[in-house]
PDB file of all heavy atoms in Angstrom:
ATOM      1  N   TRP A   1       0.842  -1.235  -0.002  1.00  0.00           N
ATOM      2  CA  TRP A   1      -0.008   0.011  -0.021  1.00  0.00           C
ATOM      3  C   TRP A   1       0.864   1.227  -0.031  1.00  0.00           C
ATOM      4  O   TRP A   1       0.667   2.180  -0.812  1.00  0.00           O
ATOM      5  CB  TRP A   1      -0.905  -0.027   1.235  1.00  0.00           C
ATOM      6  CG  TRP A   1      -1.613   1.301   1.502  1.00  0.00           C
ATOM      7  CD1 TRP A   1      -2.649   1.829   0.805  1.00  0.00           C
ATOM      8  CD2 TRP A   1      -1.217   2.223   2.541  1.00  0.00           C
ATOM      9  NE1 TRP A   1      -3.037   3.010   1.427  1.00  0.00           N
ATOM     10  CE2 TRP A   1      -2.142   3.306   2.438  1.00  0.00           C
ATOM     11  CE3 TRP A   1      -0.254   2.267   3.516  1.00  0.00           C
ATOM     12  CZ2 TRP A   1      -2.121   4.391   3.267  1.00  0.00           C
ATOM     13  CZ3 TRP A   1      -0.231   3.400   4.320  1.00  0.00           C
ATOM     14  CH2 TRP A   1      -1.141   4.393   4.241  1.00  0.00           C
ATOM     15  N   ALA A   2       1.860   1.328   0.928  1.00  0.00           N
ATOM     16  CA  ALA A   2       2.715   2.505   1.042  1.00  0.00           C
ATOM     17  C   ALA A   2       3.486   2.712  -0.289  1.00  0.00           C
ATOM     18  O   ALA A   2       3.738   3.862  -0.680  1.00  0.00           O
ATOM     19  CB  ALA A   2       3.617   2.433   2.228  1.00  0.00           C
ATOM     20  N   SER A   3       3.921   1.638  -0.846  1.00  0.00           N
ATOM     21  CA  SER A   3       4.764   1.708  -2.033  1.00  0.00           C
ATOM     22  C   SER A   3       3.999   2.334  -3.223  1.00  0.00           C
ATOM     23  O   SER A   3       4.596   2.858  -4.178  1.00  0.00           O
ATOM     24  CB  SER A   3       5.377   0.382  -2.452  1.00  0.00           C
ATOM     25  OG  SER A   3       4.331  -0.493  -2.884  1.00  0.00           O
ATOM     26  N   LYS A   4       2.661   2.184  -3.191  1.00  0.00           N
ATOM     27  CA  LYS A   4       1.853   2.676  -4.266  1.00  0.00           C
ATOM     28  C   LYS A   4       1.412   4.148  -4.108  1.00  0.00           C
ATOM     29  O   LYS A   4       0.800   4.717  -4.981  1.00  0.00           O
ATOM     30  CB  LYS A   4       0.655   1.809  -4.464  1.00  0.00           C
ATOM     31  CG  LYS A   4       0.874   0.416  -4.914  1.00  0.00           C
ATOM     32  CD  LYS A   4      -0.324  -0.441  -5.036  1.00  0.00           C
ATOM     33  CE  LYS A   4      -0.018  -1.836  -5.475  1.00  0.00           C
ATOM     34  NZ  LYS A   4      -1.253  -2.700  -5.531  1.00  0.00           N
ATOM     35  N   LEU A   5       1.679   4.700  -2.934  1.00  0.00           N
ATOM     36  CA  LEU A   5       1.144   6.055  -2.661  1.00  0.00           C
ATOM     37  C   LEU A   5       1.805   7.099  -3.611  1.00  0.00           C
ATOM     38  O   LEU A   5       1.153   8.037  -3.988  1.00  0.00           O
ATOM     39  CB  LEU A   5       1.500   6.454  -1.223  1.00  0.00           C
ATOM     40  CG  LEU A   5       0.683   5.718  -0.132  1.00  0.00           C
ATOM     41  CD1 LEU A   5       1.000   6.255   1.238  1.00  0.00           C
ATOM     42  CD2 LEU A   5      -0.843   5.873  -0.374  1.00  0.00           C
ATOM     43  N   LYS A   6       3.089   6.863  -4.025  1.00  0.00           N
ATOM     44  CA  LYS A   6       3.695   7.748  -4.911  1.00  0.00           C
ATOM     45  C   LYS A   6       3.113   7.766  -6.305  1.00  0.00           C
ATOM     46  O   LYS A   6       3.331   8.668  -7.151  1.00  0.00           O
ATOM     47  CB  LYS A   6       5.262   7.570  -4.965  1.00  0.00           C
ATOM     48  CG  LYS A   6       5.935   7.912  -3.675  1.00  0.00           C
ATOM     49  CD  LYS A   6       7.403   7.673  -3.804  1.00  0.00           C
ATOM     50  CE  LYS A   6       8.133   8.012  -2.515  1.00  0.00           C
ATOM     51  NZ  LYS A   6       9.619   7.823  -2.637  1.00  0.00           N
ATOM     52  N   GLN A   7       2.405   6.722  -6.569  1.00  0.00           N
ATOM     53  CA  GLN A   7       1.813   6.542  -7.973  1.00  0.00           C
ATOM     54  C   GLN A   7       0.441   7.222  -8.109  1.00  0.00           C
ATOM     55  O   GLN A   7      -0.085   7.295  -9.183  1.00  0.00           O
ATOM     56  CB  GLN A   7       1.619   5.041  -8.293  1.00  0.00           C
ATOM     57  CG  GLN A   7       2.900   4.263  -8.140  1.00  0.00           C
ATOM     58  CD  GLN A   7       2.665   2.746  -8.307  1.00  0.00           C
ATOM     59  OE1 GLN A   7       1.627   2.344  -8.831  1.00  0.00           O
ATOM     60  NE2 GLN A   7       3.630   1.967  -7.842  1.00  0.00           N
ATOM     61  N   THR A   8      -0.085   7.798  -7.013  1.00  0.00           N
ATOM     62  CA  THR A   8      -1.338   8.401  -7.039  1.00  0.00           C
ATOM     63  C   THR A   8      -1.230   9.918  -6.906  1.00  0.00           C
ATOM     64  O   THR A   8      -0.324  10.381  -6.274  1.00  0.00           O
ATOM     65  CB  THR A   8      -2.334   7.793  -6.021  1.00  0.00           C
ATOM     66  OG1 THR A   8      -3.557   8.493  -6.131  1.00  0.00           O
ATOM     67  CG2 THR A   8      -1.787   8.052  -4.571  1.00  0.00           C
ATOM     68  N   ASP A   9      -2.173  10.659  -7.428  1.00  0.00           N
ATOM     69  CA  ASP A   9      -2.200  12.108  -7.264  1.00  0.00           C
ATOM     70  C   ASP A   9      -3.243  12.443  -6.232  1.00  0.00           C
ATOM     71  O   ASP A   9      -4.026  13.367  -6.418  1.00  0.00           O
ATOM     72  CB  ASP A   9      -2.582  12.804  -8.663  1.00  0.00           C
ATOM     73  CG  ASP A   9      -2.393  14.276  -8.550  1.00  0.00           C
ATOM     74  OD1 ASP A   9      -1.525  14.747  -7.738  1.00  0.00           O
ATOM     75  OD2 ASP A   9      -3.105  15.022  -9.294  1.00  0.00           O
ATOM     76  N   TRP A  10      -3.262  11.697  -5.081  1.00  0.00           N
ATOM     77  CA  TRP A  10      -4.129  12.003  -4.031  1.00  0.00           C
ATOM     78  C   TRP A  10      -3.299  11.873  -2.727  1.00  0.00           C
ATOM     79  O   TRP A  10      -2.699  10.874  -2.493  1.00  0.00           O
ATOM     80  CB  TRP A  10      -5.335  11.098  -3.993  1.00  0.00           C
ATOM     81  CG  TRP A  10      -6.270  11.479  -2.875  1.00  0.00           C
ATOM     82  CD1 TRP A  10      -7.276  12.351  -2.891  1.00  0.00           C
ATOM     83  CD2 TRP A  10      -6.201  10.976  -1.499  1.00  0.00           C
ATOM     84  NE1 TRP A  10      -7.880  12.452  -1.629  1.00  0.00           N
ATOM     85  CE2 TRP A  10      -7.218  11.642  -0.758  1.00  0.00           C
ATOM     86  CE3 TRP A  10      -5.346  10.122  -0.790  1.00  0.00           C
ATOM     87  CZ2 TRP A  10      -7.429  11.433   0.604  1.00  0.00           C
ATOM     88  CZ3 TRP A  10      -5.583   9.889   0.582  1.00  0.00           C
ATOM     89  CH2 TRP A  10      -6.573  10.544   1.240  1.00  0.00           C
ATOM     90  N   PRO A  11      -3.373  12.957  -1.859  1.00  0.00           N
ATOM     91  CA  PRO A  11      -3.922  14.308  -2.156  1.00  0.00           C
ATOM     92  C   PRO A  11      -3.241  14.937  -3.352  1.00  0.00           C
ATOM     93  O   PRO A  11      -2.134  14.547  -3.668  1.00  0.00           O
ATOM     94  CB  PRO A  11      -3.717  15.022  -0.814  1.00  0.00           C
ATOM     95  CG  PRO A  11      -3.515  14.005   0.230  1.00  0.00           C
ATOM     96  CD  PRO A  11      -2.795  12.808  -0.478  1.00  0.00           C
ATOM     97  N   MET A  12      -3.822  15.982  -3.840  1.00  0.00           N
ATOM     98  CA  MET A  12      -3.213  16.677  -4.963  1.00  0.00           C
ATOM     99  C   MET A  12      -1.814  17.113  -4.671  1.00  0.00           C
ATOM    100  O   MET A  12      -1.502  17.638  -3.633  1.00  0.00           O
ATOM    101  CB  MET A  12      -4.102  17.838  -5.391  1.00  0.00           C
ATOM    102  CG  MET A  12      -5.490  17.430  -6.004  1.00  0.00           C
ATOM    103  SD  MET A  12      -6.584  18.808  -6.279  1.00  0.00           S
ATOM    104  CE  MET A  12      -5.766  19.576  -7.740  1.00  0.00           C
ATOM    105  N   SER A  13      -0.950  16.911  -5.602  1.00  0.00           N
ATOM    106  CA  SER A  13       0.479  17.146  -5.395  1.00  0.00           C
ATOM    107  C   SER A  13       0.788  18.634  -5.326  1.00  0.00           C
ATOM    108  O   SER A  13       1.843  19.020  -4.848  1.00  0.00           O
ATOM    109  CB  SER A  13       1.354  16.463  -6.487  1.00  0.00           C
ATOM    110  OG  SER A  13       0.922  16.916  -7.748  1.00  0.00           O
ATOM    111  N   TYR A  14      -0.071  19.501  -5.879  1.00  0.00           N
ATOM    112  CA  TYR A  14       0.233  20.959  -5.803  1.00  0.00           C
ATOM    113  C   TYR A  14      -0.799  21.623  -4.913  1.00  0.00           C
ATOM    114  O   TYR A  14      -1.673  22.342  -5.294  1.00  0.00           O
ATOM    115  CB  TYR A  14       0.138  21.567  -7.288  1.00  0.00           C
ATOM    116  CG  TYR A  14      -0.972  20.955  -8.112  1.00  0.00           C
ATOM    117  CD1 TYR A  14      -2.250  21.492  -8.112  1.00  0.00           C
ATOM    118  CD2 TYR A  14      -0.732  19.841  -8.914  1.00  0.00           C
ATOM    119  CE1 TYR A  14      -3.294  20.967  -8.903  1.00  0.00           C
ATOM    120  CE2 TYR A  14      -1.727  19.310  -9.733  1.00  0.00           C
ATOM    121  CZ  TYR A  14      -3.011  19.862  -9.679  1.00  0.00           C
ATOM    122  OH  TYR A  14      -3.988  19.386 -10.455  1.00  0.00           O
ATOM    123  N   GLN A  15      -0.616  21.392  -3.603  1.00  0.00           N
ATOM    124  CA  GLN A  15      -1.613  21.803  -2.683  1.00  0.00           C
ATOM    125  C   GLN A  15      -1.612  23.323  -2.317  1.00  0.00           C
ATOM    126  O   GLN A  15      -2.643  23.869  -1.904  1.00  0.00           O
ATOM    127  CB  GLN A  15      -1.434  21.044  -1.315  1.00  0.00           C
ATOM    128  CG  GLN A  15      -1.979  19.601  -1.453  1.00  0.00           C
ATOM    129  CD  GLN A  15      -3.494  19.546  -1.498  1.00  0.00           C
ATOM    130  OE1 GLN A  15      -4.196  20.497  -1.021  1.00  0.00           O
ATOM    131  NE2 GLN A  15      -4.038  18.525  -2.044  1.00  0.00           N
ATOM    132  N   ALA A  16      -0.475  23.952  -2.393  1.00  0.00           N
ATOM    133  CA  ALA A  16      -0.415  25.328  -1.916  1.00  0.00           C
ATOM    134  C   ALA A  16       0.300  26.175  -2.898  1.00  0.00           C
ATOM    135  O   ALA A  16       1.253  25.738  -3.534  1.00  0.00           O
ATOM    136  CB  ALA A  16       0.271  25.414  -0.532  1.00  0.00           C
ATOM    137  N   PRO A  17      -0.015  27.498  -3.041  1.00  0.00           N
ATOM    138  CA  PRO A  17      -1.207  28.141  -2.505  1.00  0.00           C
ATOM    139  C   PRO A  17      -2.473  27.821  -3.276  1.00  0.00           C
ATOM    140  O   PRO A  17      -2.379  27.319  -4.378  1.00  0.00           O
ATOM    141  CB  PRO A  17      -0.881  29.669  -2.587  1.00  0.00           C
ATOM    142  CG  PRO A  17      -0.006  29.718  -3.821  1.00  0.00           C
ATOM    143  CD  PRO A  17       0.826  28.433  -3.816  1.00  0.00           C
ATOM    144  N   LEU A  18      -3.605  28.079  -2.683  1.00  0.00           N
ATOM    145  CA  LEU A  18      -4.903  27.822  -3.340  1.00  0.00           C
ATOM    146  C   LEU A  18      -5.116  28.715  -4.489  1.00  0.00           C
ATOM    147  O   LEU A  18      -4.980  29.914  -4.393  1.00  0.00           O
ATOM    148  CB  LEU A  18      -6.027  27.913  -2.320  1.00  0.00           C
ATOM    149  CG  LEU A  18      -7.406  27.537  -2.708  1.00  0.00           C
ATOM    150  CD1 LEU A  18      -7.523  26.073  -2.974  1.00  0.00           C
ATOM    151  CD2 LEU A  18      -8.449  28.006  -1.716  1.00  0.00           C
ATOM    152  N   LYS A  19      -5.412  28.146  -5.682  1.00  0.00           N
ATOM    153  CA  LYS A  19      -5.635  28.932  -6.855  1.00  0.00           C
ATOM    154  C   LYS A  19      -6.907  28.472  -7.594  1.00  0.00           C
ATOM    155  O   LYS A  19      -7.278  27.287  -7.456  1.00  0.00           O
ATOM    156  CB  LYS A  19      -4.457  28.828  -7.855  1.00  0.00           C
ATOM    157  CG  LYS A  19      -3.130  29.312  -7.319  1.00  0.00           C
ATOM    158  CD  LYS A  19      -1.980  29.027  -8.316  1.00  0.00           C
ATOM    159  CE  LYS A  19      -0.661  29.496  -7.786  1.00  0.00           C
ATOM    160  NZ  LYS A  19       0.396  29.227  -8.786  1.00  0.00           N
ATOM    161  N   PRO A  20      -7.557  29.330  -8.345  1.00  0.00           N
ATOM    162  CA  PRO A  20      -8.676  28.934  -9.118  1.00  0.00           C
ATOM    163  C   PRO A  20      -8.213  27.882 -10.212  1.00  0.00           C
ATOM    164  O   PRO A  20      -7.097  28.080 -10.701  1.00  0.00           O
ATOM    165  CB  PRO A  20      -9.194  30.179  -9.835  1.00  0.00           C
ATOM    166  CG  PRO A  20      -8.586  31.301  -8.998  1.00  0.00           C
ATOM    167  CD  PRO A  20      -7.292  30.779  -8.490  1.00  0.00           C
ATOM    168  N   LEU A  21      -8.893  26.929 -10.493  1.00  0.00           N
ATOM    169  CA  LEU A  21     -10.194  26.460 -10.116  1.00  0.00           C
ATOM    170  C   LEU A  21     -10.004  25.104  -9.396  1.00  0.00           C
ATOM    171  O   LEU A  21     -10.645  24.139  -9.796  1.00  0.00           O
ATOM    172  CB  LEU A  21     -11.141  26.292 -11.295  1.00  0.00           C
ATOM    173  CG  LEU A  21     -11.332  27.594 -12.130  1.00  0.00           C
ATOM    174  CD1 LEU A  21     -11.831  27.213 -13.525  1.00  0.00           C
ATOM    175  CD2 LEU A  21     -12.392  28.392 -11.492  1.00  0.00           C
ATOM    176  N   ARG A  22      -9.273  25.143  -8.367  1.00  0.00           N
ATOM    177  CA  ARG A  22      -8.968  23.795  -7.619  1.00  0.00           C
ATOM    178  C   ARG A  22     -10.293  23.200  -7.157  1.00  0.00           C
ATOM    179  O   ARG A  22     -11.065  23.867  -6.480  1.00  0.00           O
ATOM    180  CB  ARG A  22      -8.045  23.992  -6.487  1.00  0.00           C
ATOM    181  CG  ARG A  22      -7.659  22.632  -5.827  1.00  0.00           C
ATOM    182  CD  ARG A  22      -6.902  22.825  -4.506  1.00  0.00           C
ATOM    183  NE  ARG A  22      -5.620  23.419  -4.744  1.00  0.00           N
ATOM    184  CZ  ARG A  22      -4.823  23.799  -3.730  1.00  0.00           C
ATOM    185  NH1 ARG A  22      -5.188  23.618  -2.516  1.00  0.00           N
ATOM    186  NH2 ARG A  22      -3.577  24.323  -4.026  1.00  0.00           N
ATOM    187  N   PRO A  23     -10.551  21.907  -7.479  1.00  0.00           N
ATOM    188  CA  PRO A  23     -11.770  21.245  -7.046  1.00  0.00           C
ATOM    189  C   PRO A  23     -11.736  20.851  -5.561  1.00  0.00           C
ATOM    190  O   PRO A  23     -10.671  20.867  -4.934  1.00  0.00           O
ATOM    191  CB  PRO A  23     -11.868  20.036  -7.930  1.00  0.00           C
ATOM    192  CG  PRO A  23     -10.428  19.724  -8.254  1.00  0.00           C
ATOM    193  CD  PRO A  23      -9.731  21.072  -8.364  1.00  0.00           C
ATOM    194  N   GLY A  24     -12.929  20.660  -5.006  1.00  0.00           N
ATOM    195  CA  GLY A  24     -12.987  20.120  -3.649  1.00  0.00           C
ATOM    196  C   GLY A  24     -12.996  21.106  -2.539  1.00  0.00           C
ATOM    197  O   GLY A  24     -12.869  20.731  -1.368  1.00  0.00           O
ATOM    198  N   HIS A  25     -13.178  22.403  -2.883  1.00  0.00           N
ATOM    199  CA  HIS A  25     -13.193  23.412  -1.821  1.00  0.00           C
ATOM    200  C   HIS A  25     -14.417  24.301  -1.918  1.00  0.00           C
ATOM    201  O   HIS A  25     -14.898  24.647  -3.006  1.00  0.00           O
ATOM    202  CB  HIS A  25     -11.935  24.335  -2.001  1.00  0.00           C
ATOM    203  CG  HIS A  25     -10.640  23.671  -1.656  1.00  0.00           C
ATOM    204  ND1 HIS A  25     -10.082  23.706  -0.430  1.00  0.00           N
ATOM    205  CD2 HIS A  25      -9.852  22.866  -2.414  1.00  0.00           C
ATOM    206  CE1 HIS A  25      -8.985  23.020  -0.378  1.00  0.00           C
ATOM    207  NE2 HIS A  25      -8.815  22.438  -1.625  1.00  0.00           N
ATOM    208  N   GLY A  26     -14.905  24.674  -0.697  1.00  0.00           N
ATOM    209  CA  GLY A  26     -15.859  25.752  -0.615  1.00  0.00           C
ATOM    210  C   GLY A  26     -15.166  27.049  -0.362  1.00  0.00           C
ATOM    211  O   GLY A  26     -13.965  27.132  -0.238  1.00  0.00           O
ATOM    212  N   ASP A  27     -15.976  28.141  -0.266  1.00  0.00           N
ATOM    213  CA  ASP A  27     -15.388  29.503  -0.113  1.00  0.00           C
ATOM    214  C   ASP A  27     -15.331  29.852   1.337  1.00  0.00           C
ATOM    215  O   ASP A  27     -16.303  30.258   1.944  1.00  0.00           O
ATOM    216  CB  ASP A  27     -16.207  30.463  -0.908  1.00  0.00           C
ATOM    217  CG  ASP A  27     -15.487  31.815  -1.098  1.00  0.00           C
ATOM    218  OD1 ASP A  27     -14.508  32.021  -0.363  1.00  0.00           O
ATOM    219  OD2 ASP A  27     -15.869  32.574  -1.996  1.00  0.00           O
ATOM    220  N   ALA A  28     -14.140  29.752   1.929  1.00  0.00           N
ATOM    221  CA  ALA A  28     -13.968  30.050   3.330  1.00  0.00           C
ATOM    222  C   ALA A  28     -14.164  31.557   3.594  1.00  0.00           C
ATOM    223  O   ALA A  28     -14.457  31.952   4.699  1.00  0.00           O
ATOM    224  CB  ALA A  28     -12.569  29.673   3.800  1.00  0.00           C
ATOM    225  N   ARG A  29     -14.079  32.391   2.578  1.00  0.00           N
ATOM    226  CA  ARG A  29     -14.227  33.829   2.720  1.00  0.00           C
ATOM    227  C   ARG A  29     -15.632  34.211   3.064  1.00  0.00           C
ATOM    228  O   ARG A  29     -15.950  35.299   3.616  1.00  0.00           O
ATOM    229  CB  ARG A  29     -13.797  34.580   1.454  1.00  0.00           C
ATOM    230  CG  ARG A  29     -12.332  34.424   1.148  1.00  0.00           C
ATOM    231  CD  ARG A  29     -11.951  34.973  -0.253  1.00  0.00           C
ATOM    232  NE  ARG A  29     -12.598  34.180  -1.301  1.00  0.00           N
ATOM    233  CZ  ARG A  29     -12.355  34.381  -2.601  1.00  0.00           C
ATOM    234  NH1 ARG A  29     -11.496  35.304  -2.973  1.00  0.00           N
ATOM    235  NH2 ARG A  29     -13.009  33.633  -3.482  1.00  0.00           N
ATOM    236  N   GLU A  30     -16.584  33.315   2.702  1.00  0.00           N
ATOM    237  CA  GLU A  30     -18.024  33.601   2.994  1.00  0.00           C
ATOM    238  C   GLU A  30     -18.501  32.961   4.272  1.00  0.00           C
ATOM    239  O   GLU A  30     -19.711  33.120   4.587  1.00  0.00           O
ATOM    240  CB  GLU A  30     -18.857  33.052   1.794  1.00  0.00           C
ATOM    241  CG  GLU A  30     -18.472  33.591   0.451  1.00  0.00           C
ATOM    242  CD  GLU A  30     -18.890  35.032   0.275  1.00  0.00           C
ATOM    243  OE1 GLU A  30     -19.749  35.523   1.133  1.00  0.00           O
ATOM    244  OE2 GLU A  30     -18.403  35.697  -0.618  1.00  0.00           O
ATOM    245  N   PHE A  31     -17.643  32.381   5.027  1.00  0.00           N
ATOM    246  CA  PHE A  31     -18.010  31.693   6.270  1.00  0.00           C
ATOM    247  C   PHE A  31     -18.272  32.787   7.386  1.00  0.00           C
ATOM    248  O   PHE A  31     -17.466  33.715   7.474  1.00  0.00           O
ATOM    249  CB  PHE A  31     -17.015  30.765   6.704  1.00  0.00           C
ATOM    250  CG  PHE A  31     -17.372  29.951   7.923  1.00  0.00           C
ATOM    251  CD1 PHE A  31     -18.388  29.047   7.871  1.00  0.00           C
ATOM    252  CD2 PHE A  31     -16.709  30.081   9.097  1.00  0.00           C
ATOM    253  CE1 PHE A  31     -18.761  28.281   8.968  1.00  0.00           C
ATOM    254  CE2 PHE A  31     -17.037  29.326  10.246  1.00  0.00           C
ATOM    255  CZ  PHE A  31     -18.123  28.431  10.138  1.00  0.00           C
ATOM    256  N   PRO A  32     -19.287  32.629   8.196  1.00  0.00           N
ATOM    257  CA  PRO A  32     -19.505  33.611   9.283  1.00  0.00           C
ATOM    258  C   PRO A  32     -18.622  33.432  10.428  1.00  0.00           C
ATOM    259  O   PRO A  32     -18.954  32.909  11.516  1.00  0.00           O
ATOM    260  CB  PRO A  32     -20.987  33.328   9.665  1.00  0.00           C
ATOM    261  CG  PRO A  32     -21.188  31.912   9.365  1.00  0.00           C
ATOM    262  CD  PRO A  32     -20.369  31.637   8.139  1.00  0.00           C
ATOM    263  N   ASN A  33     -17.350  33.921  10.243  1.00  0.00           N
ATOM    264  CA  ASN A  33     -16.316  33.662  11.250  1.00  0.00           C
ATOM    265  C   ASN A  33     -16.606  34.284  12.609  1.00  0.00           C
ATOM    266  O   ASN A  33     -16.215  33.737  13.658  1.00  0.00           O
ATOM    267  CB  ASN A  33     -15.005  34.182  10.699  1.00  0.00           C
ATOM    268  CG  ASN A  33     -14.403  33.297   9.580  1.00  0.00           C
ATOM    269  OD1 ASN A  33     -14.060  32.180   9.811  1.00  0.00           O
ATOM    270  ND2 ASN A  33     -14.348  33.866   8.374  1.00  0.00           N
ATOM    271  N   GLU A  34     -17.261  35.451  12.640  1.00  0.00           N
ATOM    272  CA  GLU A  34     -17.562  36.070  13.905  1.00  0.00           C
ATOM    273  C   GLU A  34     -18.540  35.285  14.720  1.00  0.00           C
ATOM    274  O   GLU A  34     -18.357  35.064  15.958  1.00  0.00           O
ATOM    275  CB  GLU A  34     -18.097  37.486  13.738  1.00  0.00           C
ATOM    276  CG  GLU A  34     -17.004  38.499  13.257  1.00  0.00           C
ATOM    277  CD  GLU A  34     -15.912  38.633  14.299  1.00  0.00           C
ATOM    278  OE1 GLU A  34     -16.189  38.632  15.550  1.00  0.00           O
ATOM    279  OE2 GLU A  34     -14.747  38.667  13.928  1.00  0.00           O
ATOM    280  N   VAL A  35     -19.515  34.722  14.036  1.00  0.00           N
ATOM    281  CA  VAL A  35     -20.486  33.842  14.748  1.00  0.00           C
ATOM    282  C   VAL A  35     -19.792  32.577  15.252  1.00  0.00           C
ATOM    283  O   VAL A  35     -19.956  32.182  16.417  1.00  0.00           O
ATOM    284  CB  VAL A  35     -21.654  33.491  13.787  1.00  0.00           C
ATOM    285  CG1 VAL A  35     -22.611  32.485  14.457  1.00  0.00           C
ATOM    286  CG2 VAL A  35     -22.392  34.709  13.360  1.00  0.00           C
ATOM    287  N   TRP A  36     -19.013  31.999  14.446  1.00  0.00           N
ATOM    288  CA  TRP A  36     -18.227  30.802  14.820  1.00  0.00           C
ATOM    289  C   TRP A  36     -17.352  31.094  15.964  1.00  0.00           C
ATOM    290  O   TRP A  36     -17.165  30.299  16.940  1.00  0.00           O
ATOM    291  CB  TRP A  36     -17.483  30.246  13.592  1.00  0.00           C
ATOM    292  CG  TRP A  36     -16.605  29.037  13.887  1.00  0.00           C
ATOM    293  CD1 TRP A  36     -15.252  28.969  13.834  1.00  0.00           C
ATOM    294  CD2 TRP A  36     -16.997  27.782  14.427  1.00  0.00           C
ATOM    295  NE1 TRP A  36     -14.791  27.758  14.143  1.00  0.00           N
ATOM    296  CE2 TRP A  36     -15.839  26.997  14.515  1.00  0.00           C
ATOM    297  CE3 TRP A  36     -18.217  27.207  14.757  1.00  0.00           C
ATOM    298  CZ2 TRP A  36     -15.801  25.688  14.982  1.00  0.00           C
ATOM    299  CZ3 TRP A  36     -18.256  25.942  15.217  1.00  0.00           C
ATOM    300  CH2 TRP A  36     -17.065  25.151  15.380  1.00  0.00           C
ATOM    301  N   ALA A  37     -16.682  32.273  15.967  1.00  0.00           N
ATOM    302  CA  ALA A  37     -15.783  32.666  17.055  1.00  0.00           C
ATOM    303  C   ALA A  37     -16.501  32.757  18.424  1.00  0.00           C
ATOM    304  O   ALA A  37     -15.963  32.362  19.428  1.00  0.00           O
ATOM    305  CB  ALA A  37     -15.041  33.951  16.752  1.00  0.00           C
ATOM    306  N   ARG A  38     -17.767  33.278  18.391  1.00  0.00           N
ATOM    307  CA  ARG A  38     -18.530  33.354  19.613  1.00  0.00           C
ATOM    308  C   ARG A  38     -18.828  31.936  20.131  1.00  0.00           C
ATOM    309  O   ARG A  38     -18.751  31.732  21.377  1.00  0.00           O
ATOM    310  CB  ARG A  38     -19.814  34.196  19.353  1.00  0.00           C
ATOM    311  CG  ARG A  38     -19.635  35.661  19.146  1.00  0.00           C
ATOM    312  CD  ARG A  38     -20.876  36.405  19.321  1.00  0.00           C
ATOM    313  NE  ARG A  38     -21.913  36.052  18.314  1.00  0.00           N
ATOM    314  CZ  ARG A  38     -22.052  36.636  17.169  1.00  0.00           C
ATOM    315  NH1 ARG A  38     -21.226  37.617  16.763  1.00  0.00           N
ATOM    316  NH2 ARG A  38     -23.020  36.306  16.320  1.00  0.00           N
ATOM    317  N   CYS A  39     -19.122  31.046  19.222  1.00  0.00           N
ATOM    318  CA  CYS A  39     -19.385  29.697  19.657  1.00  0.00           C
ATOM    319  C   CYS A  39     -18.152  29.079  20.278  1.00  0.00           C
ATOM    320  O   CYS A  39     -18.250  28.375  21.301  1.00  0.00           O
ATOM    321  CB  CYS A  39     -19.894  28.816  18.513  1.00  0.00           C
ATOM    322  SG  CYS A  39     -21.477  29.363  17.794  1.00  0.00           S
ATOM    323  N   LEU A  40     -16.997  29.306  19.675  1.00  0.00           N
ATOM    324  CA  LEU A  40     -15.734  28.818  20.213  1.00  0.00           C
ATOM    325  C   LEU A  40     -15.423  29.388  21.619  1.00  0.00           C
ATOM    326  O   LEU A  40     -15.008  28.678  22.501  1.00  0.00           O
ATOM    327  CB  LEU A  40     -14.585  29.120  19.266  1.00  0.00           C
ATOM    328  CG  LEU A  40     -14.538  28.267  17.967  1.00  0.00           C
ATOM    329  CD1 LEU A  40     -13.510  28.824  17.085  1.00  0.00           C
ATOM    330  CD2 LEU A  40     -14.271  26.787  18.253  1.00  0.00           C
ATOM    331  N   ARG A  41     -15.643  30.693  21.766  1.00  0.00           N
ATOM    332  CA  ARG A  41     -15.404  31.329  23.031  1.00  0.00           C
ATOM    333  C   ARG A  41     -16.287  30.786  24.177  1.00  0.00           C
ATOM    334  O   ARG A  41     -15.812  30.486  25.237  1.00  0.00           O
ATOM    335  CB  ARG A  41     -15.576  32.805  22.941  1.00  0.00           C
ATOM    336  CG  ARG A  41     -14.418  33.592  22.213  1.00  0.00           C
ATOM    337  CD  ARG A  41     -14.475  35.075  22.407  1.00  0.00           C
ATOM    338  NE  ARG A  41     -15.631  35.676  21.797  1.00  0.00           N
ATOM    339  CZ  ARG A  41     -15.703  36.104  20.541  1.00  0.00           C
ATOM    340  NH1 ARG A  41     -14.569  36.009  19.758  1.00  0.00           N
ATOM    341  NH2 ARG A  41     -16.744  36.648  20.051  1.00  0.00           N
ATOM    342  N   ARG A  42     -17.582  30.595  23.836  1.00  0.00           N
ATOM    343  CA  ARG A  42     -18.461  30.009  24.848  1.00  0.00           C
ATOM    344  C   ARG A  42     -18.109  28.627  25.211  1.00  0.00           C
ATOM    345  O   ARG A  42     -18.184  28.213  26.346  1.00  0.00           O
ATOM    346  CB  ARG A  42     -19.938  30.153  24.353  1.00  0.00           C
ATOM    347  CG  ARG A  42     -20.483  31.578  24.457  1.00  0.00           C
ATOM    348  CD  ARG A  42     -22.010  31.536  24.309  1.00  0.00           C
ATOM    349  NE  ARG A  42     -22.398  31.351  22.899  1.00  0.00           N
ATOM    350  CZ  ARG A  42     -22.671  32.360  22.029  1.00  0.00           C
ATOM    351  NH1 ARG A  42     -22.542  33.624  22.406  1.00  0.00           N
ATOM    352  NH2 ARG A  42     -23.057  32.049  20.792  1.00  0.00           N
ATOM    353  N   SER A  43     -17.709  27.859  24.183  1.00  0.00           N
ATOM    354  CA  SER A  43     -17.228  26.467  24.458  1.00  0.00           C
ATOM    355  C   SER A  43     -16.014  26.462  25.374  1.00  0.00           C
ATOM    356  O   SER A  43     -15.937  25.604  26.282  1.00  0.00           O
ATOM    357  CB  SER A  43     -16.955  25.746  23.154  1.00  0.00           C
ATOM    358  OG  SER A  43     -16.419  24.497  23.385  1.00  0.00           O
ATOM    359  N   ALA A  44     -15.075  27.384  25.107  1.00  0.00           N
ATOM    360  CA  ALA A  44     -13.864  27.431  25.954  1.00  0.00           C
ATOM    361  C   ALA A  44     -14.173  27.798  27.392  1.00  0.00           C
ATOM    362  O   ALA A  44     -13.626  27.294  28.405  1.00  0.00           O
ATOM    363  CB  ALA A  44     -12.897  28.470  25.342  1.00  0.00           C
TER     364      ALA A  44
END
């Protein structure tokens, strides 16, 4: 199994930086980070 990992393109070999039109991603810029931060603070 390990010997075959180099033969596959998963995960994608060109991971960074994120550029258009890489598949498999949502838009993190549209996420309600302030709301999520409040939930994290209350959990802490």
